[in-house]
Protein backbone atom coordinates (compact mmCIF):
# COMPACT_ATOMS: atom_id res chain seq x y z
CA MET A 1 87.07 149.35 21.98
CA THR A 2 89.24 152.44 22.32
CA SER A 3 91.44 153.75 19.54
CA GLY A 4 94.57 154.16 21.67
CA ARG A 5 95.15 157.70 20.37
CA HIS A 6 94.50 159.43 23.65
CA PRO A 7 94.79 163.25 23.45
CA VAL A 8 96.93 163.48 26.60
CA ARG A 9 99.40 160.99 25.21
CA LEU A 10 99.56 162.64 21.80
CA ALA A 11 99.98 166.09 23.33
CA VAL A 12 102.82 164.95 25.59
CA LEU A 13 104.57 163.15 22.76
CA PHE A 14 104.30 165.71 19.98
CA LEU A 15 104.83 168.84 22.08
CA ALA A 16 107.98 167.20 23.37
CA LEU A 17 109.06 166.26 19.86
CA ALA A 18 108.53 169.83 18.75
CA ALA A 19 110.49 171.18 21.72
CA VAL A 20 113.42 168.84 21.15
CA MET A 21 113.59 169.47 17.43
CA GLY A 22 112.82 173.18 17.66
CA GLY A 23 115.29 175.40 15.85
CA VAL A 24 116.47 172.55 13.61
CA THR A 25 115.83 173.22 9.95
CA MET A 26 114.31 170.42 7.90
CA SER A 27 117.35 170.27 5.64
CA ARG A 28 119.71 169.82 8.59
CA SER A 29 117.45 167.13 10.04
CA ARG A 30 117.34 165.28 6.72
CA ALA A 31 121.10 165.53 6.34
CA ALA A 32 121.68 164.10 9.80
CA THR A 33 119.30 161.18 9.44
CA SER A 34 120.40 160.29 5.92
CA SER A 35 124.08 160.30 6.84
CA TYR A 36 123.74 157.84 9.70
CA GLY A 37 121.22 155.02 9.76
CA VAL A 38 120.18 153.95 13.26
CA GLU A 39 118.09 150.94 12.19
CA GLU A 40 119.52 147.76 13.79
CA ARG A 41 122.57 149.72 14.92
CA SER A 42 123.83 148.17 18.15
CA LEU A 43 124.89 150.10 21.20
CA THR A 44 128.44 148.78 20.79
CA GLN A 45 128.49 149.90 17.14
CA ILE A 46 127.26 153.35 18.09
CA ARG A 47 129.94 153.66 20.78
CA ALA A 48 132.61 152.97 18.17
CA ASP A 49 131.06 155.40 15.67
CA LEU A 50 130.87 158.17 18.28
CA ALA A 51 134.50 157.55 19.18
CA SER A 52 135.61 157.73 15.53
CA GLY A 53 133.57 160.85 14.77
CA LYS A 54 131.33 159.05 12.29
CA VAL A 55 128.30 160.38 14.16
CA THR A 56 127.54 162.87 16.92
CA SER A 57 125.07 162.57 19.79
CA VAL A 58 123.01 165.41 18.29
CA GLN A 59 122.74 163.48 15.02
CA LEU A 60 121.73 160.36 16.92
CA VAL A 61 118.94 162.12 18.80
CA ARG A 62 117.64 163.68 15.56
CA ALA A 63 117.76 160.33 13.77
CA TYR A 64 115.91 158.48 16.53
CA LEU A 65 113.29 161.24 16.84
CA ALA A 66 112.70 161.15 13.10
CA ARG A 67 112.26 157.38 13.23
CA ILE A 68 109.84 157.61 16.17
CA ALA A 69 107.84 160.33 14.40
CA ALA A 70 107.62 158.22 11.24
CA MET A 71 106.79 154.86 12.83
CA ASP A 72 105.33 155.20 16.31
CA ALA A 73 102.26 157.35 15.67
CA LYS A 74 102.28 156.96 11.88
CA GLY A 75 103.27 154.09 9.60
CA PRO A 76 103.10 150.87 11.66
CA ALA A 77 101.87 153.06 14.57
CA LEU A 78 103.52 150.90 17.23
CA GLN A 79 102.42 153.23 20.06
CA SER A 80 105.51 152.21 22.01
CA VAL A 81 106.67 155.66 23.19
CA ILE A 82 104.56 157.69 25.62
CA SER A 83 106.70 160.82 25.90
CA ILE A 84 109.86 162.40 24.52
CA ASN A 85 112.27 164.14 26.88
CA PRO A 86 112.40 167.83 25.83
CA ASP A 87 115.90 168.04 27.33
CA ALA A 88 117.28 165.29 25.08
CA MET A 89 118.73 167.60 22.43
CA ALA A 90 120.38 169.86 25.01
CA ASP A 91 121.82 166.77 26.67
CA ALA A 92 123.13 165.60 23.31
CA ARG A 93 124.82 168.96 22.65
CA ALA A 94 126.41 168.81 26.09
CA ALA A 95 127.62 165.25 25.45
CA ASP A 96 129.21 166.29 22.14
CA ALA A 97 130.89 169.28 23.76
CA ARG A 98 132.20 167.17 26.61
CA ARG A 99 133.54 164.58 24.18
CA ARG A 100 135.37 167.27 22.18
CA LEU A 101 136.96 168.77 25.29
CA HIS A 102 137.54 165.79 27.56
CA GLY A 103 136.67 162.59 25.71
CA PRO A 104 133.68 160.34 26.51
CA ALA A 105 132.14 160.73 29.96
CA GLY A 106 131.51 157.00 30.40
CA PRO A 107 130.80 153.71 28.61
CA LEU A 108 127.39 154.98 27.41
CA ALA A 109 128.56 158.51 26.63
CA GLY A 110 126.18 160.36 24.32
CA ILE A 111 123.99 157.33 23.53
CA PRO A 112 120.20 157.81 23.59
CA ILE A 113 118.18 155.22 25.52
CA LEU A 114 114.51 154.82 26.41
CA ILE A 115 113.12 154.03 29.85
CA LYS A 116 109.78 152.54 30.85
CA ASP A 117 107.21 155.07 32.00
CA ASN A 118 107.14 153.82 35.57
CA ILE A 119 110.73 155.03 36.15
CA GLU A 120 111.28 158.64 37.19
CA SER A 121 113.69 161.00 35.46
CA ASP A 122 114.72 164.58 36.18
CA ASP A 123 113.10 166.23 33.18
CA PRO A 124 109.66 167.69 32.32
CA THR A 125 108.07 164.33 31.47
CA PRO A 126 105.57 162.79 33.90
CA THR A 127 106.02 159.27 35.25
CA THR A 128 102.57 157.79 34.74
CA ALA A 129 102.71 153.97 34.84
CA GLY A 130 100.28 154.44 31.95
CA SER A 131 97.48 155.74 34.21
CA LEU A 132 95.58 159.00 33.91
CA ALA A 133 95.80 159.19 37.71
CA LEU A 134 99.51 160.02 37.37
CA VAL A 135 99.39 162.29 34.34
CA LYS A 136 100.66 165.20 36.50
CA ASN A 137 103.36 163.15 38.23
CA VAL A 138 106.30 165.34 37.15
CA THR A 139 108.71 164.71 40.04
CA ARG A 140 111.87 166.30 38.57
CA ARG A 141 113.99 163.62 40.22
CA ASP A 142 116.10 160.83 38.78
CA ALA A 143 115.52 157.31 39.98
CA PRO A 144 118.95 156.06 41.11
CA VAL A 145 119.02 153.63 38.18
CA VAL A 146 118.57 156.61 35.83
CA LYS A 147 121.16 158.63 37.72
CA ARG A 148 123.65 155.78 37.24
CA LEU A 149 122.89 155.54 33.53
CA LYS A 150 123.37 159.30 33.16
CA ALA A 151 126.65 159.06 35.07
CA ALA A 152 127.71 156.47 32.49
CA GLY A 153 126.92 159.09 29.84
CA ALA A 154 123.51 157.93 28.58
CA ILE A 155 120.94 160.39 27.22
CA ILE A 156 117.34 159.76 28.28
CA LEU A 157 115.45 160.11 25.01
CA GLY A 158 112.00 159.46 26.44
CA LYS A 159 109.66 157.03 28.13
CA THR A 160 107.97 153.95 26.79
CA ASN A 161 104.42 152.68 26.96
CA LEU A 162 103.57 149.75 29.22
CA SER A 163 100.82 147.57 30.50
CA GLU A 164 99.07 150.00 32.84
CA TRP A 165 100.27 149.70 36.45
CA ALA A 166 102.72 147.08 35.16
CA ASN A 167 99.85 144.62 34.59
CA ILE A 168 98.74 144.31 38.23
CA ARG A 169 95.24 145.85 37.90
CA SER A 170 93.20 142.99 36.45
CA THR A 171 93.26 139.25 35.79
CA HIS A 172 91.63 140.04 32.42
CA SER A 173 94.07 142.72 31.28
CA ILE A 174 95.28 143.24 27.74
CA SER A 175 99.08 143.34 27.91
CA GLY A 176 100.60 146.45 26.41
CA TRP A 177 97.55 148.67 26.89
CA SER A 178 97.50 151.81 29.01
CA ALA A 179 94.96 154.60 29.26
CA ILE A 180 97.61 157.15 28.31
CA GLY A 181 99.59 155.26 25.69
CA GLY A 182 96.98 153.07 24.04
CA LEU A 183 97.94 149.59 22.84
CA VAL A 184 101.52 148.69 21.92
CA LYS A 185 101.77 146.64 18.73
CA ASN A 186 104.28 143.89 18.13
CA PRO A 187 106.67 145.05 15.37
CA TYR A 188 106.86 141.54 13.89
CA SER A 189 103.10 141.32 13.36
CA LEU A 190 101.02 144.37 14.10
CA ASP A 191 97.93 142.45 15.21
CA ARG A 192 99.96 140.51 17.78
CA ASN A 193 100.75 141.36 21.38
CA ALA A 194 104.08 142.79 22.55
CA CYS A 195 103.63 141.20 26.00
CA GLY A 196 103.64 143.02 29.30
CA SER A 197 104.42 144.93 31.13
CA SER A 198 107.56 146.35 29.44
CA SER A 199 105.82 146.06 26.08
CA GLY A 200 106.71 149.55 24.91
CA THR A 201 110.39 149.11 25.68
CA GLY A 202 110.42 145.80 23.82
CA ALA A 203 108.67 147.11 20.72
CA ALA A 204 110.62 150.40 20.67
CA ILE A 205 114.05 148.80 20.91
CA ALA A 206 113.14 146.13 18.36
CA ALA A 207 112.08 148.96 16.03
CA SER A 208 115.37 150.83 16.62
CA PHE A 209 113.80 153.84 18.34
CA ALA A 210 116.84 153.87 20.65
CA ALA A 211 120.03 151.92 21.11
CA ALA A 212 118.78 150.14 24.24
CA GLY A 213 116.12 150.46 26.90
CA VAL A 214 115.14 149.79 30.48
CA GLY A 215 112.12 147.74 31.49
CA THR A 216 110.96 146.50 34.87
CA GLU A 217 109.90 143.04 35.96
CA THR A 218 107.90 141.57 38.80
CA ASP A 219 107.17 138.27 37.05
CA GLY A 220 108.07 138.03 33.36
CA SER A 221 107.80 141.69 32.40
CA VAL A 222 111.34 142.06 31.06
CA VAL A 223 111.79 138.53 29.76
CA CYS A 224 108.45 138.09 27.95
CA PRO A 225 108.46 141.36 25.95
CA SER A 226 112.12 140.79 25.10
CA SER A 227 111.41 137.27 23.88
CA LEU A 228 108.36 138.29 21.83
CA SER A 229 110.19 141.26 20.25
CA GLY A 230 113.36 139.39 19.31
CA LEU A 231 115.51 141.03 21.98
CA VAL A 232 117.97 140.08 24.66
CA GLY A 233 116.54 140.96 28.08
CA LEU A 234 117.87 140.45 31.59
CA LYS A 235 115.85 140.36 34.80
CA PRO A 236 118.64 140.84 37.39
CA THR A 237 118.85 139.47 40.90
CA VAL A 238 116.45 141.48 43.05
CA GLY A 239 118.73 143.94 44.82
CA LEU A 240 121.36 144.37 42.10
CA VAL A 241 119.55 147.43 40.67
CA SER A 242 117.77 150.08 42.75
CA ARG A 243 113.96 150.38 42.71
CA THR A 244 113.80 153.81 44.38
CA HIS A 245 111.51 156.22 42.47
CA VAL A 246 110.11 153.39 40.38
CA VAL A 247 106.32 152.96 40.58
CA PRO A 248 106.08 149.73 42.60
CA ILE A 249 104.25 146.47 42.76
CA SER A 250 106.36 144.35 45.12
CA HIS A 251 109.56 145.00 47.03
CA SER A 252 110.09 141.22 47.07
CA GLN A 253 110.15 140.83 43.28
CA ASP A 254 110.39 144.20 41.46
CA THR A 255 113.55 145.09 39.58
CA PRO A 256 114.52 147.19 36.55
CA GLY A 257 116.32 145.30 33.79
CA PRO A 258 118.13 146.12 30.52
CA MET A 259 116.72 145.26 27.08
CA ALA A 260 118.65 145.47 23.81
CA ARG A 261 119.30 143.71 20.52
CA GLY A 262 122.39 141.83 21.69
CA VAL A 263 124.00 140.35 24.79
CA ALA A 264 126.98 142.74 24.69
CA ASP A 265 124.61 145.72 24.73
CA VAL A 266 122.69 144.31 27.71
CA ALA A 267 125.99 143.75 29.52
CA LEU A 268 126.99 147.38 28.91
CA MET A 269 123.64 148.60 30.20
CA LEU A 270 123.76 146.42 33.31
CA THR A 271 127.23 147.71 34.12
CA GLY A 272 125.78 151.20 34.18
CA MET A 273 122.66 150.23 36.14
CA ALA A 274 123.95 147.99 38.94
CA GLY A 275 124.91 149.22 42.39
CA SER A 276 123.82 149.86 45.96
CA ASP A 277 121.30 152.53 46.95
CA PRO A 278 120.94 153.54 50.62
CA ALA A 279 117.23 154.20 50.05
CA ASP A 280 116.62 150.62 48.86
CA PRO A 281 117.64 148.10 51.55
CA ALA A 282 117.47 145.20 49.09
CA THR A 283 120.54 146.64 47.29
CA HIS A 284 122.77 146.52 50.39
CA ASP A 285 125.09 143.94 48.79
CA ALA A 286 124.86 145.17 45.20
CA ASP A 287 128.21 146.97 45.16
CA ALA A 288 129.92 143.80 46.36
CA HIS A 289 128.47 141.81 43.45
CA ALA A 290 128.34 144.37 40.63
CA THR A 291 131.12 144.15 38.05
CA ASP A 292 132.04 145.20 34.54
CA TYR A 293 129.68 142.80 32.81
CA ALA A 294 130.90 143.74 29.34
CA ALA A 295 134.44 142.73 30.32
CA ALA A 296 133.15 139.61 32.05
CA ILE A 297 131.72 138.16 28.83
CA ALA A 298 134.88 138.66 26.79
CA GLY A 299 135.96 135.26 25.49
CA ALA A 300 132.66 133.69 26.61
CA THR A 301 132.37 129.98 25.85
CA LEU A 302 129.99 127.08 26.31
CA ARG A 303 132.82 124.56 26.35
CA GLY A 304 132.84 122.57 29.57
CA LYS A 305 129.61 124.15 30.85
CA ARG A 306 126.84 122.06 32.36
CA ILE A 307 123.38 123.20 31.35
CA GLY A 308 120.22 121.83 32.99
CA VAL A 309 117.03 121.55 30.93
CA LEU A 310 113.77 122.48 32.71
CA ARG A 311 111.51 119.99 30.94
CA PHE A 312 108.42 121.14 32.81
CA ALA A 313 108.54 124.32 30.69
CA THR A 314 108.42 122.46 27.36
CA GLY A 315 105.62 120.70 25.52
CA GLN A 316 103.45 123.79 25.03
CA LEU A 317 103.89 124.18 21.26
CA PRO A 318 105.66 121.78 18.84
CA GLN A 319 107.33 124.56 16.86
CA VAL A 320 108.84 126.04 20.04
CA ASP A 321 110.00 122.60 21.18
CA ASP A 322 111.68 122.10 17.79
CA LEU A 323 113.58 125.39 18.11
CA PHE A 324 114.53 124.50 21.68
CA ALA A 325 115.88 121.10 20.58
CA LYS A 326 118.01 122.84 17.95
CA ALA A 327 119.25 125.31 20.58
CA LEU A 328 120.31 122.45 22.86
CA ALA A 329 122.05 120.76 19.92
CA ALA A 330 123.92 123.98 19.16
CA MET A 331 125.11 124.20 22.77
CA ARG A 332 126.26 120.58 22.68
CA ALA A 333 128.16 121.33 19.47
CA GLN A 334 129.91 124.17 21.32
CA GLY A 335 131.09 121.77 24.03
CA ALA A 336 128.36 122.09 26.66
CA THR A 337 127.02 119.11 28.59
CA ILE A 338 123.22 119.05 28.53
CA VAL A 339 121.61 117.60 31.66
CA GLU A 340 117.96 116.62 31.42
CA ILE A 341 115.78 117.52 34.45
CA ARG A 342 112.53 115.65 34.04
CA ASP A 343 111.42 115.03 37.61
CA PHE A 344 110.99 118.62 38.76
CA LYS A 345 107.84 120.71 38.63
CA PRO A 346 107.22 123.92 40.57
CA ASP A 347 104.92 123.53 43.56
CA PRO A 348 101.43 124.48 42.26
CA LYS A 349 100.74 126.31 45.57
CA MET A 350 103.60 128.69 44.78
CA SER A 351 101.47 130.83 42.45
CA ASP A 352 98.78 131.36 45.08
CA ASP A 353 101.43 132.34 47.61
CA GLU A 354 103.01 134.69 45.09
CA LEU A 355 99.71 136.44 44.43
CA LEU A 356 99.12 137.09 48.14
CA VAL A 357 102.65 138.49 48.42
CA LEU A 358 102.24 140.77 45.41
CA LEU A 359 98.84 142.12 46.41
CA THR A 360 99.85 142.72 50.03
CA GLU A 361 103.01 144.54 49.01
CA LEU A 362 101.21 146.47 46.25
CA LYS A 363 98.88 148.11 48.77
CA ALA A 364 101.71 149.06 51.15
CA ASP A 365 104.36 149.97 48.57
CA MET A 366 101.98 152.03 46.44
CA LYS A 367 100.95 154.11 49.44
CA THR A 368 104.61 154.81 50.21
CA TYR A 369 105.30 155.78 46.60
CA LEU A 370 102.25 158.02 46.20
CA ALA A 371 103.14 159.87 49.40
CA SER A 372 106.35 161.02 47.69
CA THR A 373 104.69 162.40 44.55
CA PRO A 374 103.90 166.09 43.91
CA ALA A 375 100.76 167.73 45.30
CA SER A 376 99.38 167.75 41.77
CA VAL A 377 98.88 163.99 42.11
CA LYS A 378 95.63 163.69 44.06
CA SER A 379 95.61 159.93 44.61
CA ARG A 380 97.48 158.99 47.79
CA THR A 381 96.43 155.40 48.41
CA LEU A 382 95.37 152.33 46.50
CA ALA A 383 91.80 153.10 47.57
CA ASP A 384 92.14 156.51 45.91
CA LEU A 385 93.30 154.86 42.68
CA ILE A 386 90.34 152.48 42.74
CA ALA A 387 87.97 155.41 43.17
CA PHE A 388 89.72 157.36 40.39
CA ASN A 389 89.33 154.44 38.00
CA ARG A 390 85.62 154.10 38.78
CA ALA A 391 85.16 157.80 38.02
CA THR A 392 87.23 157.71 34.80
CA PRO A 393 85.49 155.74 32.01
CA ARG A 394 88.59 155.26 29.86
CA GLU A 395 90.42 153.50 32.67
CA LEU A 396 87.90 150.64 32.89
CA ALA A 397 86.80 150.63 29.25
CA LEU A 398 88.52 147.34 28.37
CA PHE A 399 88.89 145.47 31.67
CA GLY A 400 88.32 145.93 35.38
CA GLN A 401 90.42 146.34 38.49
CA GLU A 402 89.70 143.21 40.49
CA LEU A 403 93.36 142.78 41.50
CA PHE A 404 93.43 146.33 42.87
CA GLU A 405 90.27 145.53 44.81
CA GLN A 406 91.72 142.28 46.15
CA ALA A 407 94.90 144.11 47.16
CA GLN A 408 92.86 146.72 49.02
CA LYS A 409 91.47 143.94 51.22
CA THR A 410 94.91 142.63 52.29
CA LYS A 411 95.94 143.04 55.91
CA GLY A 412 99.39 144.62 55.74
CA LEU A 413 103.04 143.63 55.87
CA SER A 414 102.74 142.19 59.39
CA ASP A 415 99.93 139.81 58.42
CA PRO A 416 100.99 136.24 59.39
CA ALA A 417 99.38 134.81 56.25
CA TYR A 418 101.41 137.16 54.06
CA LEU A 419 104.65 136.42 55.92
CA ALA A 420 104.09 132.68 55.66
CA ALA A 421 103.26 132.91 51.94
CA ARG A 422 106.39 134.96 51.27
CA LYS A 423 108.59 132.48 53.13
CA ARG A 424 107.02 129.43 51.43
CA SER A 425 107.14 130.82 47.92
CA GLN A 426 110.71 132.03 48.12
CA GLN A 427 111.80 128.71 49.64
CA ALA A 428 110.01 126.73 46.92
CA ALA A 429 111.43 128.80 44.07
CA GLY A 430 114.89 129.45 45.52
CA ALA A 431 116.40 127.00 48.01
CA ASP A 432 114.17 124.05 47.05
CA GLY A 433 113.98 125.06 43.39
CA ILE A 434 116.76 126.77 41.45
CA ASP A 435 119.46 126.36 44.11
CA LYS A 436 118.75 122.68 44.65
CA LEU A 437 118.60 121.88 40.93
CA ILE A 438 121.86 123.66 40.18
CA ASP A 439 123.73 122.25 43.17
CA ALA A 440 122.49 118.67 42.85
CA ASN A 441 123.36 118.50 39.14
CA ARG A 442 126.55 120.62 39.36
CA LEU A 443 125.16 123.05 36.79
CA ASP A 444 126.26 126.44 35.51
CA ALA A 445 122.69 127.39 34.63
CA LEU A 446 119.21 126.16 33.80
CA VAL A 447 117.58 126.64 30.39
CA ALA A 448 114.03 126.60 29.05
CA PRO A 449 112.02 128.23 26.28
CA SER A 450 111.34 131.78 27.45
CA ASP A 451 107.75 132.03 26.21
CA GLY A 452 105.61 131.04 23.26
CA PRO A 453 105.33 133.29 20.20
CA ALA A 454 103.20 136.44 20.37
CA TRP A 455 99.46 135.83 20.56
CA ARG A 456 96.93 137.83 18.58
CA THR A 457 95.71 140.71 20.74
CA ASP A 458 92.18 139.96 21.86
CA VAL A 459 90.14 142.81 23.37
CA VAL A 460 87.28 140.41 24.17
CA THR A 461 88.92 137.62 26.17
CA GLY A 462 92.30 139.16 27.03
CA ASP A 463 95.77 137.62 26.94
CA HIS A 464 96.51 134.10 25.65
CA THR A 465 99.91 132.99 26.88
CA ILE A 466 101.00 129.36 26.55
CA GLY A 467 103.31 129.02 29.55
CA SER A 468 106.84 129.99 30.51
CA ALA A 469 109.58 129.55 33.10
CA ASP A 470 109.28 133.17 34.30
CA SER A 471 107.82 132.59 37.74
CA LEU A 472 110.56 130.41 39.23
CA PRO A 473 113.36 133.03 39.02
CA ALA A 474 110.88 135.89 39.59
CA ILE A 475 109.64 134.52 42.91
CA ALA A 476 113.14 133.49 43.99
CA GLY A 477 114.47 136.94 43.05
CA TYR A 478 117.15 135.32 40.87
CA PRO A 479 118.54 136.41 37.47
CA HIS A 480 116.85 135.40 34.21
CA LEU A 481 118.26 136.10 30.74
CA THR A 482 116.46 135.60 27.43
CA VAL A 483 118.27 135.44 24.07
CA PRO A 484 116.64 135.04 20.62
CA MET A 485 116.16 131.36 19.75
CA GLY A 486 114.44 131.64 16.37
CA LEU A 487 111.14 132.37 14.66
CA VAL A 488 107.79 130.58 14.61
CA ARG A 489 105.84 131.74 11.53
CA GLY A 490 107.92 134.92 11.58
CA LEU A 491 107.35 135.54 15.31
CA PRO A 492 110.37 135.56 17.66
CA VAL A 493 110.81 133.27 20.63
CA GLY A 494 113.69 133.25 23.11
CA ILE A 495 115.67 130.79 25.17
CA SER A 496 116.03 131.44 28.89
CA PHE A 497 119.20 131.11 30.96
CA ILE A 498 118.39 131.01 34.69
CA GLY A 499 120.87 130.99 37.57
CA LYS A 500 121.37 131.42 41.29
CA ALA A 501 121.47 134.85 42.92
CA TRP A 502 124.19 137.24 41.68
CA THR A 503 125.19 135.05 38.70
CA GLU A 504 124.45 137.67 36.02
CA ALA A 505 128.00 137.51 34.63
CA THR A 506 127.73 133.72 34.21
CA LEU A 507 124.36 133.94 32.46
CA LEU A 508 125.50 136.75 30.18
CA GLY A 509 128.59 134.73 29.26
CA LEU A 510 126.50 131.69 28.38
CA GLY A 511 124.06 133.87 26.46
CA ALA A 512 126.87 135.57 24.55
CA ALA A 513 128.42 132.24 23.55
CA TYR A 514 125.04 130.88 22.47
CA GLU A 515 124.24 134.07 20.54
CA ALA A 516 127.59 133.98 18.73
CA ALA A 517 127.11 130.34 17.75
CA THR A 518 123.52 130.65 16.52
CA LYS A 519 122.85 134.29 15.47
CA LYS A 520 119.08 133.83 15.61
CA ARG A 521 117.89 137.43 15.90
CA ARG A 522 116.08 138.77 12.85
CA PRO A 523 114.86 142.38 12.37
CA PRO A 524 111.12 143.08 12.61
CA THR A 525 109.04 143.05 9.43
CA TYR A 526 106.03 145.18 10.55
CA ALA A 527 103.69 142.71 8.80
CA PRO A 528 99.99 143.55 9.21
CA SER A 529 99.51 139.95 10.36
CA VAL A 530 101.26 136.61 10.15
CA GLU A 531 98.59 135.50 7.68
CA THR A 532 99.53 138.24 5.19
CA THR A 533 103.15 137.10 4.84
CA PRO A 534 103.71 135.63 1.36
CA ALA A 535 104.42 132.07 2.50
CA LEU A 536 101.27 131.81 4.60
CA ALA A 537 99.09 133.81 2.23
CA ARG A 538 99.76 131.24 -0.49
CA ILE A 539 98.86 128.36 1.83
CA LEU A 540 95.70 130.05 3.12
CA ALA A 541 94.43 130.93 -0.35
CA LYS A 542 92.22 128.51 -2.24
CA PRO A 543 94.32 126.65 -4.86
CA LYS A 544 93.65 127.74 -8.42
CA SER A 545 92.98 124.14 -9.38
CA ALA A 546 90.05 124.05 -6.94
CA ARG A 547 88.41 127.24 -8.22
């Protein structure tokens, strides 16, 4: 078992911290952080406080860096941040100066955010996907999604840890582990998993290391870490947000998505992220569908809405089912009509088709991506990455690379078997799945439990998930929103709102109304384990009368 404290990761993180905070006296740093508490401070609250002069962007960056320094490598040691952007403080000073002279530059003006370390940014940090093969991948270019966020005024504070290669390397992977970043810990129980692959973004935002963050999803990698870290997370329609300069798995299913502590914050982030990109053909229609999502959820209500219940996704754990029943009751109380869908189950062949699609596209899309990286990156194909891993003991110390090896054997994007699998799976999930269910029942959205509670991280047998509704919208390429639904033994679980393509505004509105009616998010406790919490410790201890 590795310790997770890899010297490359620590060097990148702490040299960057030193560079950003250089020239700042300790007394000034203490004054800034003590005068403005960032813990549990929402993006919308921070916007208002910047506007009123209660805080500056420089003070925000200092406060977040101090919190990361105290809690990510020390204290709970969440290991959720891989690198800090050395330009963050200069960007904060520029944002403050611009605000003084001209007012805020955009809806996210001067607000620090974190992005997953498979998304490129024009700064000195590498984009690694968690792999030592990409440790020198300093491209000095902004992914279009980052460029849009910067245009909205956001400050890129740094990059978050992730399941290496976004969890596509092995069927026996440990979610949240990367060779560079080590293992991300769940902030609600440190021995539990933060889920992959956007595990670092989930843990970091839950721990208030930034106001909001960006993850990426191919199948569940925004929704699951958001659910398990008590966040709101949105996997958008594939094609609403650009994937250019994002380390790929699949052009059929990949998409960046916003993660934050509330629906309004996610809506603000999505407004900044959405839009067409000439380099990404999937986004051709994005400009026609993108809107001001924050404005769209104003006055959100559940009254008169028809919500379909995906019963196939229930029955995994009684405590989750109990929370889900209470969530449905709360929506009924707010005026929604709940429609039970008991006779639908996803086609079991869909998963096999999805895997062929992902592995075929991984081989092709990775080659295209690697060809665009600097000469300092020596790996140029998936075969090169496989060879690198075999020659690098840390890479294969915990689990193998059998999915990489299977992908290497695929026959390309013109392979009839791949094309047929892609058509079948998208038909089953989309037209014959989500579309048919919503149209036949005249629904506004479908709902299901997002995932079970976080499992205890197991370096021997790997991940232990208990089922979810992630794959249906992931394969279809449709939007999927998770909102906190409650706690099971102190561990968060979410409720999913799933819709047809381009219905992000509808889902966010439903999520906002549900969130306002239930208020189920709770801050993390950083407990060593669920079993050490007072309530459970008393139950697990031998009664005094029996001693």
